[in-house]
Amino acid sequence: MAAAAEHTARERDAMRRAIALAARGLGSTSPNPVVGCVVLDALGRVAGEGWHRRAGGPHAEVDALAAAGDAARGGTALVTLEPCDHTGRTGPCSRALIDAGVARVVYAVADPDPAAHGGAATLAAAGIDVEGGLLAAEAAEVNEAWLTSVRLGRPHVRWKYAATLDGRTAAADGTSRWITSAEARADVHRLRAEADAVLVGSGTARADDPHLAVRDIPDAVQPLRVVADTEATAVKPGARILDDAAPTLIAVAADLPDGATAHLDGHAEVLRVPRAASGRGLDIAALLVALHERGVRSVLLEGGSTLAGAFVAARAVDRVTAYLAPALLGAGPAALADAGITTITDALRLDVTGIERIGPDLRIDAVPAPAPVASAAPAVPETEEF
């Protein structure tokens, strides 16, 4: 029993390590998932580890098996996602594990992709002991962007904002630099580095002339910079977002005349999107589908309040990251504009998943709470009279 307990502890430790390895691929693997793998030898010792670094490159299992070499034979592979069972730009990981002679495979999350799942069954058919679900919640959180994209057919959206404790994103005179600390701003660059696209609206483009590229993150893959500029009037020639630091896409209304975007030619890709049914802004669902078709699996929504309100109204926000500064303004724009919520019963309720002190500021992470399950009305005894 003691040996079995030790082995279980080693597997859990190895899976935690695999999850940490998977996180290293955030921002560089799309449209593929982030995956980590640790191979234990027959005695339960770490023999090799790896992760998926970029789309088209070796998968995590292949990377870890190469590091393990012959020590993988008779050992155990701990993988954050069910090994794939299809041939794309690389071969199936299920076959690589079989060929390596591993005796056991433990994965955290089942693969929901109909084109790739089935690795567990293939491994089991080859006589390999297979078990799923170890640290599934932790592995799913690291891979939430890809899992959202597979399940919903659109990118995962994280809405990030910075505000004072009374919820103001700028003062009454429009000044907003800097509400939060240098430490909080550095953390935002880490979020950008993990995202496939960074998105702002026309109001932010006009007011701030944002750059939106990642700074001070070594070897970061620059995200796609996106501006929702419905009328094609907010992004002017010479705007910082039109430089060559990162690719740029300007989303405009599909019904604009051809010449309306001439000033963007040669500086940014123009994406035409249907207008929202209300007539204000762009259709959020159509915008996300178009980004998904371009391989974008994660979007960092950075501003402003009107665009954030449209995303909340469309129920297209999957995670909220708020940076709250210990300051009060009392007046000025709020973090969130009209989101179509008119009564408290319709409020978008959130579950807080993390609270962290960053410099003098507070970072709060939250996700939409599951919809409450309607309780059935109590049965009325047949003998009761009214």
Protein backbone atom coordinates (compact mmCIF):
# COMPACT_ATOMS: atom_id res chain seq x y z
CA MET A 1 0.00 0.00 0.00
CA ALA A 2 2.84 2.40 0.82
CA ALA A 3 4.41 1.82 -2.60
CA ALA A 4 1.08 2.40 -4.34
CA ALA A 5 0.49 5.62 -2.41
CA GLU A 6 3.97 6.83 -3.33
CA HIS A 7 3.35 6.00 -6.96
CA THR A 8 0.07 7.92 -6.92
CA ALA A 9 1.79 10.92 -5.36
CA ARG A 10 4.47 10.78 -8.06
CA GLU A 11 1.82 10.71 -10.77
CA ARG A 12 0.05 13.71 -9.28
CA ASP A 13 3.32 15.61 -9.00
CA ALA A 14 4.16 14.70 -12.57
CA MET A 15 0.76 15.89 -13.80
CA ARG A 16 1.19 19.20 -11.96
CA ARG A 17 4.52 19.57 -13.70
CA ALA A 18 2.90 18.72 -17.04
CA ILE A 19 0.28 21.45 -16.49
CA ALA A 20 3.02 23.98 -15.75
CA LEU A 21 4.81 22.91 -18.91
CA ALA A 22 1.62 23.26 -20.97
CA ALA A 23 1.26 26.88 -19.81
CA ARG A 24 4.57 27.71 -21.48
CA GLY A 25 2.85 27.31 -24.85
CA LEU A 26 0.16 29.93 -24.20
CA GLY A 27 0.09 32.42 -27.04
CA SER A 28 2.19 30.38 -29.46
CA THR A 29 0.32 27.15 -30.30
CA SER A 30 -2.96 28.28 -31.85
CA PRO A 31 -4.97 26.90 -33.44
CA ASN A 32 -3.66 23.90 -31.48
CA PRO A 33 -4.13 23.36 -27.73
CA VAL A 34 -1.42 23.84 -25.13
CA VAL A 35 -0.27 20.44 -23.86
CA GLY A 36 2.38 19.28 -21.41
CA CYS A 37 3.74 15.77 -20.83
CA VAL A 38 6.00 14.11 -18.25
CA VAL A 39 7.31 10.56 -18.73
CA LEU A 40 8.16 8.45 -15.68
CA ASP A 41 10.34 5.38 -16.05
CA ALA A 42 9.34 1.93 -14.78
CA LEU A 43 10.48 2.90 -11.27
CA GLY A 44 8.45 6.10 -11.20
CA ARG A 45 11.36 8.45 -11.76
CA VAL A 46 11.13 11.40 -14.17
CA ALA A 47 12.71 10.29 -17.44
CA GLY A 48 11.65 13.08 -19.78
CA GLU A 49 9.33 16.05 -20.14
CA GLY A 50 8.08 18.25 -22.92
CA TRP A 51 5.37 20.57 -24.16
CA HIS A 52 3.84 21.71 -27.41
CA ARG A 53 5.74 24.85 -28.35
CA ARG A 54 4.14 25.92 -31.62
CA ALA A 55 1.62 24.77 -34.22
CA GLY A 56 3.30 22.40 -36.65
CA GLY A 57 6.02 21.47 -34.16
CA PRO A 58 6.32 18.26 -32.12
CA HIS A 59 3.44 17.52 -29.78
CA ALA A 60 4.11 17.33 -26.05
CA GLU A 61 4.18 13.52 -25.96
CA VAL A 62 6.72 13.30 -28.78
CA ASP A 63 8.85 15.98 -27.13
CA ALA A 64 8.82 14.16 -23.78
CA LEU A 65 9.42 10.72 -25.32
CA ALA A 66 12.44 12.06 -27.20
CA ALA A 67 13.87 13.32 -23.92
CA ALA A 68 13.14 10.03 -22.16
CA GLY A 69 14.57 7.74 -24.83
CA ASP A 70 14.68 4.05 -23.89
CA ALA A 71 13.74 4.91 -20.29
CA ALA A 72 10.13 5.37 -21.46
CA ARG A 73 9.74 1.62 -22.05
CA GLY A 74 7.57 0.14 -19.31
CA GLY A 75 6.99 3.59 -17.85
CA THR A 76 4.09 6.02 -17.48
CA ALA A 77 3.23 9.09 -19.54
CA LEU A 78 1.32 11.89 -17.79
CA VAL A 79 -0.38 14.17 -20.35
CA THR A 80 -2.63 17.18 -19.80
CA LEU A 81 -4.86 16.33 -22.78
CA GLU A 82 -5.93 12.95 -24.16
CA PRO A 83 -3.30 11.95 -26.75
CA CYS A 84 -4.44 12.73 -30.28
CA ASP A 85 -5.34 9.92 -32.65
CA HIS A 86 -5.12 11.62 -36.02
CA THR A 87 -2.47 12.61 -38.55
CA GLY A 88 -2.21 16.31 -39.27
CA ARG A 89 1.03 18.22 -39.67
CA THR A 90 2.42 15.64 -37.24
CA GLY A 91 1.61 11.99 -36.62
CA PRO A 92 -0.77 10.65 -33.95
CA CYS A 93 0.58 10.79 -30.40
CA SER A 94 -1.23 7.55 -29.56
CA ARG A 95 1.03 5.71 -32.03
CA ALA A 96 4.15 7.43 -30.68
CA LEU A 97 3.31 6.27 -27.16
CA ILE A 98 2.66 2.71 -28.33
CA ASP A 99 5.92 2.60 -30.27
CA ALA A 100 7.82 3.91 -27.25
CA GLY A 101 6.62 0.95 -25.19
CA VAL A 102 5.01 2.84 -22.32
CA ALA A 103 2.92 0.66 -20.03
CA ARG A 104 0.56 3.31 -18.70
CA VAL A 105 -0.88 6.64 -19.88
CA VAL A 106 -2.64 9.06 -17.55
CA TYR A 107 -4.32 12.11 -19.08
CA ALA A 108 -6.16 15.00 -17.44
CA VAL A 109 -8.80 16.17 -19.95
CA ALA A 110 -10.58 14.17 -22.64
CA ASP A 111 -10.14 15.63 -26.12
CA PRO A 112 -13.47 17.14 -27.28
CA ASP A 113 -12.25 17.64 -30.86
CA PRO A 114 -14.05 15.06 -33.04
CA ALA A 115 -11.15 15.12 -35.52
CA ALA A 116 -8.51 14.20 -32.94
CA HIS A 117 -10.11 12.31 -30.06
CA GLY A 118 -9.95 8.56 -29.66
CA GLY A 119 -6.38 8.25 -28.49
CA ALA A 120 -7.39 6.66 -25.20
CA ALA A 121 -9.28 3.88 -26.97
CA THR A 122 -6.38 3.23 -29.35
CA LEU A 123 -3.94 3.00 -26.44
CA ALA A 124 -6.21 0.66 -24.51
CA ALA A 125 -6.64 -1.56 -27.57
CA ALA A 126 -2.85 -1.85 -27.72
CA GLY A 127 -2.78 -3.20 -24.16
CA ILE A 128 -1.71 0.01 -22.45
CA ASP A 129 -3.26 0.88 -19.08
CA VAL A 130 -5.12 4.18 -19.60
CA GLU A 131 -6.68 6.48 -17.04
CA GLY A 132 -8.28 9.90 -17.52
CA GLY A 133 -9.34 12.75 -15.25
CA LEU A 134 -6.28 13.31 -13.06
CA LEU A 135 -6.21 17.03 -12.10
CA ALA A 136 -8.73 17.68 -14.87
CA ALA A 137 -9.94 21.04 -13.54
CA GLU A 138 -6.43 22.46 -13.28
CA ALA A 139 -5.48 21.24 -16.76
CA ALA A 140 -8.72 22.56 -18.26
CA GLU A 141 -8.12 26.03 -16.82
CA VAL A 142 -4.72 26.29 -18.51
CA ASN A 143 -6.29 25.12 -21.79
CA GLU A 144 -9.55 27.06 -21.43
CA ALA A 145 -9.05 29.09 -24.60
CA TRP A 146 -8.70 26.08 -26.87
CA LEU A 147 -11.44 24.13 -25.11
CA THR A 148 -13.82 27.09 -25.47
CA SER A 149 -13.01 27.37 -29.17
CA VAL A 150 -13.72 23.68 -29.80
CA ARG A 151 -16.95 23.64 -27.82
CA LEU A 152 -18.39 26.99 -28.96
CA GLY A 153 -16.76 27.56 -32.33
CA ARG A 154 -15.43 30.97 -31.30
CA PRO A 155 -12.42 32.29 -29.40
CA HIS A 156 -12.27 32.43 -25.63
CA VAL A 157 -12.69 36.06 -24.49
CA ARG A 158 -11.01 37.52 -21.43
CA TRP A 159 -12.17 41.05 -20.61
CA LYS A 160 -9.44 42.99 -18.84
CA TYR A 161 -9.89 46.43 -17.36
CA ALA A 162 -8.17 48.74 -14.89
CA ALA A 163 -10.18 50.96 -12.57
CA THR A 164 -10.23 52.77 -9.26
CA LEU A 165 -12.00 51.19 -6.31
CA ASP A 166 -15.12 53.14 -7.24
CA GLY A 167 -15.06 51.64 -10.74
CA ARG A 168 -13.77 54.61 -12.75
CA THR A 169 -11.46 54.02 -15.69
CA ALA A 170 -10.55 57.68 -16.12
CA ALA A 171 -11.07 61.02 -14.40
CA ALA A 172 -13.83 63.45 -15.35
CA ASP A 173 -11.40 65.35 -17.60
CA GLY A 174 -10.53 62.15 -19.47
CA THR A 175 -7.07 61.60 -17.98
CA SER A 176 -6.35 57.96 -17.23
CA ARG A 177 -2.56 57.43 -17.21
CA TRP A 178 -1.80 55.82 -14.98
CA ILE A 179 -4.62 54.47 -12.82
CA THR A 180 -2.75 51.31 -11.91
CA SER A 181 0.88 50.66 -11.07
CA ALA A 182 3.83 49.65 -13.23
CA GLU A 183 3.57 46.16 -11.73
CA ALA A 184 -0.04 45.82 -12.87
CA ARG A 185 0.82 47.11 -16.35
CA ALA A 186 3.62 44.55 -16.61
CA ASP A 187 1.12 41.84 -15.71
CA VAL A 188 -1.13 43.01 -18.56
CA HIS A 189 1.74 42.46 -20.98
CA ARG A 190 1.92 38.88 -19.75
CA LEU A 191 -1.78 38.52 -20.55
CA ARG A 192 -1.16 39.94 -24.02
CA ALA A 193 1.67 37.48 -24.58
CA GLU A 194 -0.69 34.60 -23.77
CA ALA A 195 -3.44 35.83 -26.13
CA ASP A 196 -3.80 35.32 -29.87
CA ALA A 197 -5.50 38.70 -30.32
CA VAL A 198 -5.91 41.95 -28.37
CA LEU A 199 -9.11 43.85 -29.10
CA VAL A 200 -10.19 47.45 -28.46
CA GLY A 201 -13.02 49.63 -29.71
CA SER A 202 -13.10 52.88 -31.64
CA GLY A 203 -13.43 55.00 -28.48
CA THR A 204 -10.19 53.63 -27.06
CA ALA A 205 -8.47 53.99 -30.44
CA ARG A 206 -9.42 57.68 -30.57
CA ALA A 207 -8.72 58.56 -26.94
CA ASP A 208 -5.55 56.59 -26.25
CA ASP A 209 -3.92 55.81 -29.62
CA PRO A 210 -2.94 52.43 -28.12
CA HIS A 211 -0.03 50.32 -29.35
CA LEU A 212 -1.30 46.96 -28.01
CA ALA A 213 1.94 45.08 -28.72
CA VAL A 214 3.71 43.01 -26.06
CA ARG A 215 6.70 44.62 -24.36
CA ASP A 216 9.40 43.23 -22.08
CA ILE A 217 8.39 39.57 -22.50
CA PRO A 218 11.34 37.69 -24.04
CA ASP A 219 10.49 35.58 -27.11
CA ALA A 220 6.80 36.53 -26.95
CA VAL A 221 4.72 35.87 -30.05
CA GLN A 222 3.03 39.18 -30.82
CA PRO A 223 -0.77 38.93 -30.79
CA LEU A 224 -2.98 40.15 -33.59
CA ARG A 225 -4.00 43.74 -32.77
CA VAL A 226 -7.68 44.29 -33.54
CA VAL A 227 -9.74 47.48 -33.51
CA ALA A 228 -13.53 47.36 -33.82
CA ASP A 229 -13.85 50.57 -35.85
CA THR A 230 -17.37 50.35 -37.24
CA GLU A 231 -17.28 53.48 -39.40
CA ALA A 232 -13.52 53.25 -40.22
CA THR A 233 -12.92 56.69 -38.73
CA ALA A 234 -11.08 56.01 -35.46
CA VAL A 235 -7.77 54.62 -36.74
CA LYS A 236 -6.00 57.42 -38.60
CA PRO A 237 -2.85 57.26 -40.74
CA GLY A 238 0.13 57.30 -38.41
CA ALA A 239 -1.71 55.61 -35.54
CA ARG A 240 0.63 53.61 -33.31
CA ILE A 241 -1.30 50.43 -33.97
CA LEU A 242 -0.39 50.63 -37.66
CA ASP A 243 3.34 50.15 -37.10
CA ASP A 244 5.15 46.90 -37.87
CA ALA A 245 5.58 45.72 -34.26
CA ALA A 246 2.69 43.26 -34.65
CA PRO A 247 0.00 42.40 -37.21
CA THR A 248 -3.09 44.59 -37.20
CA LEU A 249 -6.70 44.02 -38.24
CA ILE A 250 -9.35 46.71 -38.42
CA ALA A 251 -12.93 45.43 -38.24
CA VAL A 252 -15.43 47.72 -39.99
CA ALA A 253 -19.08 47.57 -40.96
CA ALA A 254 -19.74 45.40 -43.98
CA ASP A 255 -21.92 48.03 -45.65
CA LEU A 256 -19.30 50.79 -45.81
CA PRO A 257 -18.39 51.99 -49.30
CA ASP A 258 -15.17 50.60 -50.74
CA GLY A 259 -13.30 53.89 -50.41
CA ALA A 260 -14.01 54.21 -46.69
CA THR A 261 -10.97 52.12 -45.78
CA ALA A 262 -8.54 53.41 -48.41
CA HIS A 263 -6.41 55.10 -45.72
CA LEU A 264 -5.69 51.67 -44.23
CA ASP A 265 -4.41 50.07 -47.43
CA GLY A 266 -0.96 48.64 -46.93
CA HIS A 267 -1.03 49.29 -43.19
CA ALA A 268 -3.56 46.81 -41.81
CA GLU A 269 -5.90 44.03 -42.83
CA VAL A 270 -9.51 45.18 -43.09
CA LEU A 271 -12.26 42.82 -41.98
CA ARG A 272 -15.85 43.61 -42.94
CA VAL A 273 -18.39 42.47 -40.36
CA PRO A 274 -22.20 42.81 -40.30
CA ARG A 275 -23.59 45.51 -38.07
CA ALA A 276 -25.28 44.56 -34.82
CA ALA A 277 -29.03 44.06 -35.06
CA SER A 278 -29.48 47.18 -32.94
CA GLY A 279 -27.63 49.21 -35.57
CA ARG A 280 -24.95 50.24 -33.07
CA GLY A 281 -21.53 48.74 -33.54
CA LEU A 282 -20.63 45.39 -35.05
CA ASP A 283 -22.25 42.00 -34.65
CA ILE A 284 -20.14 40.48 -31.85
CA ALA A 285 -20.88 36.88 -32.76
CA ALA A 286 -19.91 37.45 -36.40
CA LEU A 287 -16.71 39.21 -35.37
CA LEU A 288 -15.68 36.31 -33.13
CA VAL A 289 -16.46 33.71 -35.80
CA ALA A 290 -14.33 35.64 -38.29
CA LEU A 291 -11.43 35.75 -35.83
CA HIS A 292 -11.84 32.04 -35.13
CA GLU A 293 -11.59 31.34 -38.87
CA ARG A 294 -8.22 33.14 -38.80
CA GLY A 295 -6.90 30.75 -36.16
CA VAL A 296 -7.55 33.02 -33.18
CA ARG A 297 -8.44 30.94 -30.14
CA SER A 298 -8.07 33.56 -27.39
CA VAL A 299 -9.00 37.24 -27.32
CA LEU A 300 -7.92 39.77 -24.70
CA LEU A 301 -10.62 42.44 -24.70
CA GLU A 302 -8.96 45.61 -23.40
CA GLY A 303 -11.47 48.35 -24.03
CA GLY A 304 -13.41 50.38 -23.88
CA SER A 305 -16.58 50.34 -21.85
CA THR A 306 -18.98 50.45 -24.83
CA LEU A 307 -17.36 47.48 -26.55
CA ALA A 308 -17.17 45.59 -23.26
CA GLY A 309 -20.88 46.25 -22.75
CA ALA A 310 -21.63 44.82 -26.18
CA PHE A 311 -19.66 41.67 -25.36
CA VAL A 312 -21.42 41.26 -22.01
CA ALA A 313 -24.78 41.79 -23.69
CA ALA A 314 -23.88 39.08 -26.20
CA ARG A 315 -22.83 36.80 -23.31
CA ALA A 316 -19.44 36.50 -25.01
CA VAL A 317 -17.20 37.16 -22.00
CA ASP A 318 -15.64 33.99 -20.61
CA ARG A 319 -13.33 35.51 -17.98
CA VAL A 320 -12.98 38.90 -16.33
CA THR A 321 -9.64 40.19 -15.06
CA ALA A 322 -9.94 43.43 -13.12
CA TYR A 323 -7.03 45.50 -11.85
CA LEU A 324 -8.28 47.71 -9.04
CA ALA A 325 -6.17 50.63 -7.86
CA PRO A 326 -6.47 51.95 -4.29
CA ALA A 327 -7.80 55.31 -5.45
CA LEU A 328 -11.13 57.12 -5.70
CA LEU A 329 -12.32 59.54 -8.39
CA GLY A 330 -16.04 59.91 -7.78
CA ALA A 331 -16.67 60.95 -11.39
CA GLY A 332 -15.54 59.80 -14.80
CA PRO A 333 -16.37 56.91 -17.13
CA ALA A 334 -17.34 53.59 -15.62
CA ALA A 335 -15.62 50.33 -16.55
CA LEU A 336 -18.74 48.95 -18.21
CA ALA A 337 -21.31 50.76 -20.34
CA ASP A 338 -24.78 49.55 -21.30
CA ALA A 339 -24.81 45.76 -21.36
CA GLY A 340 -28.55 45.35 -21.88
CA ILE A 341 -29.12 44.63 -18.19
CA THR A 342 -32.00 46.63 -16.74
CA THR A 343 -32.89 44.77 -13.56
CA ILE A 344 -30.87 43.13 -10.80
CA THR A 345 -32.30 39.71 -11.56
CA ASP A 346 -30.60 39.83 -14.97
CA ALA A 347 -27.16 40.68 -13.59
CA LEU A 348 -24.32 38.60 -14.95
CA ARG A 349 -23.19 36.82 -11.81
CA LEU A 350 -19.55 35.81 -11.52
CA ASP A 351 -17.56 33.27 -9.56
CA VAL A 352 -14.27 34.70 -8.27
CA THR A 353 -11.44 32.34 -9.17
CA GLY A 354 -8.48 34.34 -7.94
CA ILE A 355 -7.46 37.41 -5.93
CA GLU A 356 -3.86 38.60 -6.07
CA ARG A 357 -1.98 41.64 -4.81
CA ILE A 358 0.16 43.12 -7.60
CA GLY A 359 2.22 46.02 -6.35
CA PRO A 360 -0.26 48.37 -4.64
CA ASP A 361 -3.13 47.09 -6.80
CA LEU A 362 -5.53 44.18 -6.58
CA ARG A 363 -6.08 41.74 -9.44
CA ILE A 364 -9.40 39.87 -9.37
CA ASP A 365 -10.19 37.04 -11.78
CA ALA A 366 -13.73 35.79 -12.21
CA VAL A 367 -15.77 33.67 -14.60
CA PRO A 368 -19.52 33.68 -15.32
CA ALA A 369 -21.34 31.62 -12.74
CA PRO A 370 -23.31 28.62 -13.97
CA ALA A 371 -26.95 29.40 -14.62
CA PRO A 372 -29.06 28.45 -11.61
CA VAL A 373 -31.07 25.31 -12.01
CA ALA A 374 -34.76 26.04 -11.67
CA SER A 375 -36.19 24.08 -8.80
CA ALA A 376 -39.33 22.12 -9.43
CA ALA A 377 -42.49 23.31 -7.72
CA PRO A 378 -43.34 21.23 -4.66
CA ALA A 379 -45.91 18.58 -5.30
CA VAL A 380 -49.37 19.38 -3.99
CA PRO A 381 -51.11 16.54 -2.14
CA GLU A 382 -54.22 15.49 -3.99
CA THR A 383 -56.29 15.87 -0.81
CA GLU A 384 -55.39 19.53 -0.31
CA GLU A 385 -58.19 21.96 -1.12
CA PHE A 386 -58.03 25.62 -2.15
